[in-house]
Amino acid sequence: MSFNTASYQNGYVQIPFTKIGVCHFSMEGSINDRAVSIMVNVGAPNTVVDLDLARDMNLPMMDLALLPNATSEPGEIYQVQSARFEIANFFPKFPALLAMDLSPLMHSLSLTGTPKVDIIVGMDMLEGHDAVVDYGNKLLCLRLGR
């Protein structure tokens, strides 16, 4: 039995990706029906949308620095209160969609030829869907119903 057949039979959706470096790959998706470029980073702990995009889309956000025991400065990191995030007809679940300024990271990555991305998918979403990365077939496999 092939990996593709086995993953499908075990409740996984298969999402094609483009490799853009070690531990990074990209795919297209949408947030509130607006097309976005996504980078999956297995080293990132959280899923994050670029703050400029979140503001441009008028996504409702809460400044996390305003919470008790906050460790960030005001205006550094936000939690998006409501957004519909989709990757290849799949609506992933994760504890919270965060928003922050990704421009310093994008500048560093652009020096390596990495294209600009709007959202970085992190381990919170990958772990939440028992992700399997099939580098040979360039597929991100995410378990449905998690």
Protein backbone atom coordinates (compact mmCIF):
# COMPACT_ATOMS: atom_id res chain seq x y z
CA MET A 1 0.00 0.00 0.00
CA SER A 2 1.37 3.44 -0.91
CA PHE A 3 1.86 6.22 1.63
CA ASN A 4 -0.75 8.34 -0.18
CA THR A 5 -3.36 5.57 0.06
CA ALA A 6 -2.52 4.81 3.70
CA SER A 7 -2.71 8.44 4.79
CA TYR A 8 -6.04 8.94 3.00
CA GLN A 9 -7.49 5.79 4.57
CA ASN A 10 -6.41 7.00 8.02
CA GLY A 11 -8.29 10.29 7.77
CA TYR A 12 -5.60 12.62 6.43
CA VAL A 13 -5.99 15.35 3.85
CA GLN A 14 -2.99 15.80 1.53
CA ILE A 15 -1.90 19.34 0.70
CA PRO A 16 0.79 19.88 -1.96
CA PHE A 17 3.64 22.24 -1.12
CA THR A 18 6.75 23.81 -2.60
CA LYS A 19 9.99 23.38 -0.68
CA ILE A 20 11.68 26.73 0.02
CA GLY A 21 14.50 25.74 2.32
CA VAL A 22 15.40 23.52 5.22
CA CYS A 23 12.31 23.08 7.43
CA HIS A 24 10.34 25.60 5.32
CA PHE A 25 7.81 25.00 2.61
CA SER A 26 5.08 27.10 1.05
CA MET A 27 1.53 26.74 -0.18
CA GLU A 28 -1.42 28.94 -1.00
CA GLY A 29 -4.44 29.46 1.18
CA SER A 30 -6.91 32.10 2.24
CA ILE A 31 -8.00 34.08 5.24
CA ASN A 32 -11.58 35.31 5.13
CA ASP A 33 -11.62 34.34 1.42
CA ARG A 34 -8.60 36.54 0.60
CA ALA A 35 -5.72 34.69 -1.06
CA VAL A 36 -2.61 34.46 1.11
CA SER A 37 0.84 32.97 0.80
CA ILE A 38 1.68 30.49 3.55
CA MET A 39 5.03 29.30 4.86
CA VAL A 40 5.06 26.21 7.05
CA ASN A 41 7.93 26.41 9.53
CA VAL A 42 8.39 23.33 11.71
CA GLY A 43 10.57 25.43 14.03
CA ALA A 44 7.89 28.05 14.75
CA PRO A 45 5.82 27.39 17.88
CA ASN A 46 2.74 29.37 16.78
CA THR A 47 0.74 30.21 13.68
CA VAL A 48 1.15 33.91 12.89
CA VAL A 49 -0.37 36.29 10.35
CA ASP A 50 1.51 39.41 9.27
CA LEU A 51 0.29 42.41 11.30
CA ASP A 52 0.02 44.70 8.26
CA LEU A 53 -2.22 42.18 6.50
CA ALA A 54 -4.35 41.72 9.63
CA ARG A 55 -4.80 45.48 9.91
CA ASP A 56 -5.48 45.86 6.18
CA MET A 57 -8.20 43.20 6.45
CA ASN A 58 -9.62 44.79 9.63
CA LEU A 59 -9.31 41.52 11.50
CA PRO A 60 -10.48 41.97 15.11
CA MET A 61 -7.44 41.71 17.38
CA MET A 62 -6.57 41.91 21.06
CA ASP A 63 -3.17 43.31 22.11
CA LEU A 64 -1.65 40.56 24.24
CA ALA A 65 0.47 43.09 26.15
CA LEU A 66 -2.73 44.27 27.83
CA LEU A 67 -3.26 40.93 29.57
CA PRO A 68 -2.14 40.37 33.15
CA ASN A 69 1.41 38.96 33.38
CA ALA A 70 2.13 39.93 29.75
CA THR A 71 5.77 39.77 28.70
CA SER A 72 5.45 41.66 25.40
CA GLU A 73 5.41 45.41 24.82
CA PRO A 74 2.17 47.05 23.66
CA GLY A 75 1.75 46.74 19.90
CA GLU A 76 4.16 43.79 19.49
CA ILE A 77 1.85 40.79 19.36
CA TYR A 78 -1.88 40.39 19.00
CA GLN A 79 -4.38 37.56 19.08
CA VAL A 80 -6.77 37.56 16.14
CA GLN A 81 -10.25 37.22 17.59
CA SER A 82 -12.03 35.93 14.49
CA ALA A 83 -10.80 34.77 11.07
CA ARG A 84 -11.57 31.96 8.66
CA PHE A 85 -8.27 30.33 7.68
CA GLU A 86 -8.26 27.81 4.82
CA ILE A 87 -5.60 25.68 3.14
CA ALA A 88 -6.72 23.63 0.11
CA ASN A 89 -10.36 23.32 1.25
CA PHE A 90 -9.17 22.37 4.76
CA PHE A 91 -9.94 24.56 7.76
CA PRO A 92 -7.16 23.93 10.30
CA LYS A 93 -7.65 24.31 14.01
CA PHE A 94 -5.09 25.70 16.43
CA PRO A 95 -5.19 27.35 19.86
CA ALA A 96 -4.90 30.94 18.58
CA LEU A 97 -4.03 32.84 15.43
CA LEU A 98 -1.50 35.47 16.37
CA ALA A 99 -0.58 38.65 14.49
CA MET A 100 2.80 40.38 14.57
CA ASP A 101 5.16 42.31 12.33
CA LEU A 102 6.80 39.75 10.06
CA SER A 103 8.83 42.30 8.05
CA PRO A 104 12.16 41.71 9.88
CA LEU A 105 11.85 37.96 9.28
CA MET A 106 10.75 38.47 5.67
CA HIS A 107 13.73 40.75 5.04
CA SER A 108 16.13 38.09 6.34
CA LEU A 109 14.45 35.36 4.31
CA SER A 110 14.42 37.50 1.16
CA LEU A 111 18.23 37.48 1.26
CA THR A 112 18.03 33.71 0.68
CA GLY A 113 15.53 34.08 -2.17
CA THR A 114 12.49 33.12 -0.11
CA PRO A 115 9.33 34.86 -1.39
CA LYS A 116 7.20 37.03 0.90
CA VAL A 117 4.60 35.18 2.95
CA ASP A 118 1.49 36.40 4.73
CA ILE A 119 1.09 33.61 7.28
CA ILE A 120 3.55 31.33 9.05
CA VAL A 121 2.05 28.03 10.12
CA GLY A 122 3.76 26.71 13.23
CA MET A 123 3.83 23.62 15.38
CA ASP A 124 0.57 24.48 17.15
CA MET A 125 -1.38 23.67 14.00
CA LEU A 126 0.91 20.85 12.84
CA GLU A 127 0.73 19.02 16.18
CA GLY A 128 -3.00 19.66 16.43
CA HIS A 129 -3.58 17.74 13.20
CA ASP A 130 -0.92 15.02 13.66
CA ALA A 131 0.93 16.41 10.64
CA VAL A 132 3.10 14.22 8.46
CA VAL A 133 5.44 15.85 5.98
CA ASP A 134 6.05 13.70 2.90
CA TYR A 135 9.07 15.43 1.38
CA GLY A 136 9.39 12.85 -1.41
CA ASN A 137 5.93 13.62 -2.79
CA LYS A 138 5.89 17.23 -1.50
CA LEU A 139 2.74 16.74 0.54
CA LEU A 140 1.69 18.04 3.94
CA CYS A 141 -0.72 15.50 5.41
CA LEU A 142 -3.07 16.73 8.13
CA ARG A 143 -5.52 14.54 10.04
CA LEU A 144 -9.14 15.58 9.71
CA GLY A 145 -11.42 15.91 12.69
CA ARG A 146 -8.77 16.73 15.26
